[in-house]
Amino acid sequence: MTLKILAVEDSLTVRTMIEHVLKGAGFEVYLAEDGQHGLKRLAEVQPDVITTDMNMPIMDGLGFIKGVRGDDKYKMTPILVISSETAPELKTKARNLGASGWMAKPFHDERLVSAVKRLAA
């Protein structure tokens, strides 16, 4: 079974990189450009793992994580934050809302693939 990944990221460049790396590793990748769009895509994609940025227009990563965890169907779906933010308070907030992991931008391709595989296991 191929793992389905929902990648929520406002930067077209980073979104394209995430898609390229994860598709290259054999995953099905679905994209959303902000948290609000990400929440709409949840039901149609039913992802095994979600990646999200923190700083996005319309709905940021914290709002998105809160929205995902507010849906019983996705309470246990792993969420990997991929962000250039480094503030420990933000990481703590994200974890308290239900983020499963945190990866700094810029990321290494292999590290992203292994983090997604680890979270999906």
Foldseek 3Di string as FASTA:
>chain_A
DAFEEEEEAQDPVVQVVLCVLNVVVPHHYHYHNALVRSLVCCVVRVGQAYEAEADGPPHGPLRSLLSQCVDPSRVLRAYEYEYQDDDPVVVVSSVVSPHPYYHYPPDDSVVSNVVVVVSSD
